[in-house]
Amino acid sequence: MPLKTYYNLPEEKQKRIIKAAIAEFASNGYQKGSIQSIADRAGISKGSMYQYFTNKKELFLYIFDIAIDKKINGVKNIISRYRKLTIYELLEKAFEDSIKYAREYPSLYQIYTRAIKGAPREIINSLDFKIKTEGLSFYLKLLTEARENGQVRDDINLELATFVVFTLCKYFGEYLGQKIPRSSEKEIKHNVRDFLKVLKEGLLPQEHEEVCKND
């Protein structure tokens, strides 16, 4: 995280440093990302960088926080704007917002999805914990409200359901991220609807479901 001296900088200089760090980590990832390159991009000395951030790790964690906060805030705005929609419609809107995020902020999206590869295990564990904590809290709230509104069955373990939905959505999001650069908007939306159909209706054919109910 930034040192106090960073917050004393003019806003314009703060933005230059952040923009330079985003570009560097998005292009080269954590392992190959260089404080010297970031300083060059920002037009300041390498020594100055260490007045604002203790080391590369602290700078990267700060940039990652910016990336994840922007993504989470986008989804939260969707939820607050479309409260009357069903949980499945809300998830569709949330995925659409994630696609928009990936297209409008490709560098931030790369940091969120790919730049941590090659980072030390302690950093990966820290970031995974943050994503998991934020994600589980978000989906638990979403599923709790959905069950209260009759959109989710009463007989399921809500904690387990939260973990399943979070895990599926997380990895489906990564799957979408790989497809975005080479797929049309129409194809991506079709993938989202197919995923939500599986989430809503499950894998069991309807005729087998009826048999199971009668057993």
Protein backbone atom coordinates (compact mmCIF):
# COMPACT_ATOMS: atom_id res chain seq x y z
CA MET A 1 0.00 0.00 0.00
CA PRO A 2 1.16 3.63 -0.49
CA LEU A 3 3.23 5.47 2.08
CA LYS A 4 1.89 8.74 3.52
CA THR A 5 4.13 10.73 1.17
CA TYR A 6 2.15 9.42 -1.81
CA TYR A 7 -1.05 11.03 -0.55
CA ASN A 8 0.75 14.37 -0.23
CA LEU A 9 1.42 14.40 -3.98
CA PRO A 10 -0.72 16.49 -6.34
CA GLU A 11 -3.59 14.42 -7.75
CA GLU A 12 -2.19 14.69 -11.28
CA LYS A 13 1.10 13.09 -10.20
CA GLN A 14 -0.69 10.33 -8.31
CA LYS A 15 -2.65 9.52 -11.45
CA ARG A 16 0.51 9.45 -13.56
CA ILE A 17 2.13 6.94 -11.23
CA ILE A 18 -0.97 4.74 -11.12
CA LYS A 19 -1.44 4.89 -14.89
CA ALA A 20 2.22 3.94 -15.40
CA ALA A 21 2.00 1.06 -12.91
CA ILE A 22 -1.19 -0.29 -14.50
CA ALA A 23 0.41 -0.22 -17.96
CA GLU A 24 3.60 -1.92 -16.74
CA PHE A 25 1.93 -4.71 -14.76
CA ALA A 26 -0.69 -5.32 -17.47
CA SER A 27 2.06 -5.69 -20.07
CA ASN A 28 4.63 -7.62 -18.06
CA GLY A 29 2.86 -9.12 -15.06
CA TYR A 30 4.16 -8.95 -11.51
CA GLN A 31 7.34 -10.95 -11.97
CA LYS A 32 8.71 -9.02 -14.94
CA GLY A 33 7.21 -5.68 -13.94
CA SER A 34 9.91 -3.14 -13.13
CA ILE A 35 9.89 -0.18 -10.76
CA GLN A 36 12.40 1.48 -13.09
CA SER A 37 10.05 1.09 -16.06
CA ILE A 38 7.14 2.45 -14.03
CA ALA A 39 9.23 5.45 -12.99
CA ASP A 40 10.22 6.05 -16.63
CA ARG A 41 6.60 5.82 -17.77
CA ALA A 42 5.55 8.27 -15.04
CA GLY A 43 8.41 10.67 -15.77
CA ILE A 44 9.93 10.51 -12.29
CA SER A 45 13.08 9.01 -10.79
CA LYS A 46 13.27 5.45 -9.50
CA GLY A 47 14.34 6.79 -6.11
CA SER A 48 11.16 8.86 -5.88
CA MET A 49 9.07 5.72 -6.36
CA TYR A 50 10.48 4.29 -3.14
CA GLN A 51 9.40 7.43 -1.31
CA TYR A 52 5.80 6.57 -2.22
CA PHE A 53 5.83 2.75 -2.06
CA THR A 54 8.08 0.54 0.06
CA ASN A 55 8.61 -1.97 -2.74
CA LYS A 56 7.12 -3.48 -5.89
CA LYS A 57 4.89 -5.79 -3.87
CA GLU A 58 3.13 -2.91 -2.09
CA LEU A 59 2.65 -1.03 -5.36
CA PHE A 60 1.21 -4.11 -7.07
CA LEU A 61 -1.19 -4.82 -4.19
CA TYR A 62 -2.42 -1.23 -4.40
CA ILE A 63 -2.96 -1.50 -8.17
CA PHE A 64 -4.75 -4.82 -7.74
CA ASP A 65 -7.04 -3.23 -5.15
CA ILE A 66 -7.93 -0.53 -7.67
CA ALA A 67 -8.72 -3.19 -10.28
CA ILE A 68 -10.88 -5.34 -8.02
CA ASP A 69 -12.66 -2.39 -6.38
CA LYS A 70 -13.63 -1.00 -9.78
CA LYS A 71 -15.02 -4.37 -10.81
CA ILE A 72 -16.90 -4.95 -7.54
CA ASN A 73 -18.34 -1.43 -7.48
CA GLY A 74 -19.62 -1.92 -11.02
CA VAL A 75 -21.47 -5.08 -9.99
CA LYS A 76 -22.84 -3.45 -6.83
CA ASN A 77 -24.19 -0.57 -8.90
CA ILE A 78 -25.96 -3.09 -11.12
CA ILE A 79 -27.57 -4.73 -8.08
CA SER A 80 -28.76 -1.41 -6.65
CA ARG A 81 -30.15 -0.21 -10.00
CA TYR A 82 -32.04 -3.41 -10.84
CA ARG A 83 -33.34 -4.60 -7.49
CA LYS A 84 -36.65 -5.78 -8.96
CA LEU A 85 -34.98 -8.29 -11.28
CA THR A 86 -34.64 -11.98 -10.40
CA ILE A 87 -31.28 -13.28 -9.23
CA TYR A 88 -30.66 -14.83 -12.65
CA GLU A 89 -31.44 -11.57 -14.44
CA LEU A 90 -29.16 -9.74 -12.01
CA LEU A 91 -26.33 -12.19 -12.68
CA GLU A 92 -26.81 -11.69 -16.41
CA LYS A 93 -26.54 -7.91 -15.92
CA ALA A 94 -23.47 -8.41 -13.72
CA PHE A 95 -21.73 -10.50 -16.37
CA GLU A 96 -22.61 -7.91 -19.01
CA ASP A 97 -21.02 -5.27 -16.78
CA SER A 98 -17.89 -7.42 -16.41
CA ILE A 99 -17.66 -7.72 -20.20
CA LYS A 100 -18.01 -3.95 -20.50
CA TYR A 101 -15.30 -3.54 -17.83
CA ALA A 102 -12.95 -5.85 -19.76
CA ARG A 103 -13.48 -3.95 -23.01
CA GLU A 104 -13.28 -0.43 -21.53
CA TYR A 105 -10.41 -1.08 -19.10
CA PRO A 106 -8.36 -3.88 -20.72
CA SER A 107 -5.22 -3.10 -18.71
CA LEU A 108 -7.03 -3.20 -15.37
CA TYR A 109 -8.82 -6.37 -16.45
CA GLN A 110 -5.49 -8.02 -17.30
CA ILE A 111 -4.19 -7.16 -13.85
CA TYR A 112 -7.32 -8.62 -12.26
CA THR A 113 -7.18 -11.84 -14.27
CA ARG A 114 -3.65 -12.53 -15.48
CA ALA A 115 -0.96 -10.24 -14.06
CA ILE A 116 -0.70 -12.13 -10.76
CA LYS A 117 0.65 -15.21 -12.54
CA GLY A 118 4.27 -15.63 -11.59
CA ALA A 119 3.87 -13.55 -8.43
CA PRO A 120 5.25 -14.94 -5.15
CA ARG A 121 2.91 -17.41 -3.44
CA GLU A 122 2.28 -15.03 -0.51
CA ILE A 123 0.92 -12.39 -2.91
CA ILE A 124 -1.26 -14.88 -4.79
CA ASN A 125 -2.65 -16.22 -1.51
CA SER A 126 -3.37 -12.70 -0.26
CA LEU A 127 -5.18 -11.71 -3.45
CA ASP A 128 -7.09 -15.00 -3.67
CA PHE A 129 -8.25 -14.49 -0.07
CA LYS A 130 -9.48 -10.98 -0.89
CA ILE A 131 -11.37 -12.17 -3.98
CA LYS A 132 -12.88 -15.10 -2.09
CA THR A 133 -13.91 -13.02 0.92
CA GLU A 134 -15.51 -10.28 -1.19
CA GLY A 135 -17.12 -12.80 -3.53
CA LEU A 136 -18.64 -15.08 -0.90
CA SER A 137 -20.06 -12.11 1.01
CA PHE A 138 -21.60 -10.73 -2.18
CA TYR A 139 -23.18 -14.02 -3.30
CA LEU A 140 -24.45 -14.91 0.17
CA LYS A 141 -26.33 -11.61 0.32
CA LEU A 142 -27.65 -12.13 -3.20
CA LEU A 143 -28.84 -15.69 -2.54
CA THR A 144 -30.35 -14.80 0.84
CA GLU A 145 -32.47 -12.07 -0.72
CA ALA A 146 -33.38 -14.35 -3.62
CA ARG A 147 -34.60 -17.06 -1.25
CA GLU A 148 -36.65 -14.55 0.71
CA ASN A 149 -38.27 -13.59 -2.61
CA GLY A 150 -39.03 -17.20 -3.53
CA GLN A 151 -36.40 -17.42 -6.28
CA VAL A 152 -34.23 -20.02 -4.53
CA ARG A 153 -35.41 -23.24 -2.91
CA ASP A 154 -35.87 -23.32 0.87
CA ASP A 155 -34.47 -26.83 1.25
CA ILE A 156 -30.89 -26.14 0.19
CA ASN A 157 -27.87 -25.35 2.36
CA LEU A 158 -27.43 -21.65 1.64
CA GLU A 159 -23.78 -21.58 2.72
CA LEU A 160 -22.95 -24.46 0.38
CA ALA A 161 -25.02 -22.92 -2.43
CA THR A 162 -23.11 -19.66 -1.99
CA PHE A 163 -19.78 -21.46 -2.33
CA VAL A 164 -20.96 -23.34 -5.44
CA VAL A 165 -22.37 -20.25 -7.17
CA PHE A 166 -19.29 -18.16 -6.31
CA THR A 167 -16.92 -20.84 -7.63
CA LEU A 168 -18.91 -21.39 -10.83
CA CYS A 169 -19.22 -17.66 -11.52
CA LYS A 170 -15.54 -17.04 -10.78
CA TYR A 171 -14.29 -19.64 -13.23
CA PHE A 172 -16.94 -18.84 -15.80
CA GLY A 173 -15.74 -15.24 -15.61
CA GLU A 174 -12.21 -16.42 -16.38
CA TYR A 175 -13.57 -18.48 -19.28
CA LEU A 176 -15.33 -15.39 -20.64
CA GLY A 177 -12.16 -13.36 -20.22
CA GLN A 178 -10.35 -15.70 -22.60
CA LYS A 179 -13.13 -15.44 -25.18
CA ILE A 180 -13.68 -11.67 -25.10
CA PRO A 181 -10.77 -10.67 -27.39
CA ARG A 182 -11.87 -13.02 -30.18
CA SER A 183 -15.66 -13.21 -29.77
CA SER A 184 -18.50 -10.91 -30.76
CA GLU A 185 -20.83 -9.28 -28.25
CA LYS A 186 -23.61 -11.58 -29.45
CA GLU A 187 -21.53 -14.72 -28.88
CA ILE A 188 -20.51 -13.61 -25.39
CA LYS A 189 -24.11 -12.86 -24.38
CA HIS A 190 -25.17 -16.25 -25.73
CA ASN A 191 -22.50 -17.90 -23.56
CA VAL A 192 -23.75 -15.98 -20.50
CA ARG A 193 -27.35 -17.11 -21.08
CA ASP A 194 -26.24 -20.73 -21.56
CA PHE A 195 -24.29 -20.59 -18.31
CA LEU A 196 -27.22 -19.11 -16.39
CA LYS A 197 -29.51 -21.77 -17.84
CA VAL A 198 -27.24 -24.46 -16.40
CA LEU A 199 -27.10 -22.60 -13.08
CA LYS A 200 -30.88 -22.24 -12.93
CA GLU A 201 -32.04 -25.58 -14.33
CA GLY A 202 -29.10 -27.87 -13.50
CA LEU A 203 -27.74 -30.75 -15.56
CA LEU A 204 -30.40 -33.41 -15.04
CA PRO A 205 -32.87 -33.86 -17.94
CA GLN A 206 -36.45 -32.97 -16.99
CA GLU A 207 -37.78 -36.50 -17.49
CA HIS A 208 -35.13 -37.86 -15.09
CA GLU A 209 -35.96 -35.10 -12.62
CA GLU A 210 -39.60 -36.20 -12.60
CA VAL A 211 -38.55 -39.83 -12.01
CA CYS A 212 -36.34 -38.77 -9.09
CA LYS A 213 -39.21 -36.83 -7.56
CA ASN A 214 -41.46 -39.90 -7.73
CA ASP A 215 -38.88 -42.28 -6.18
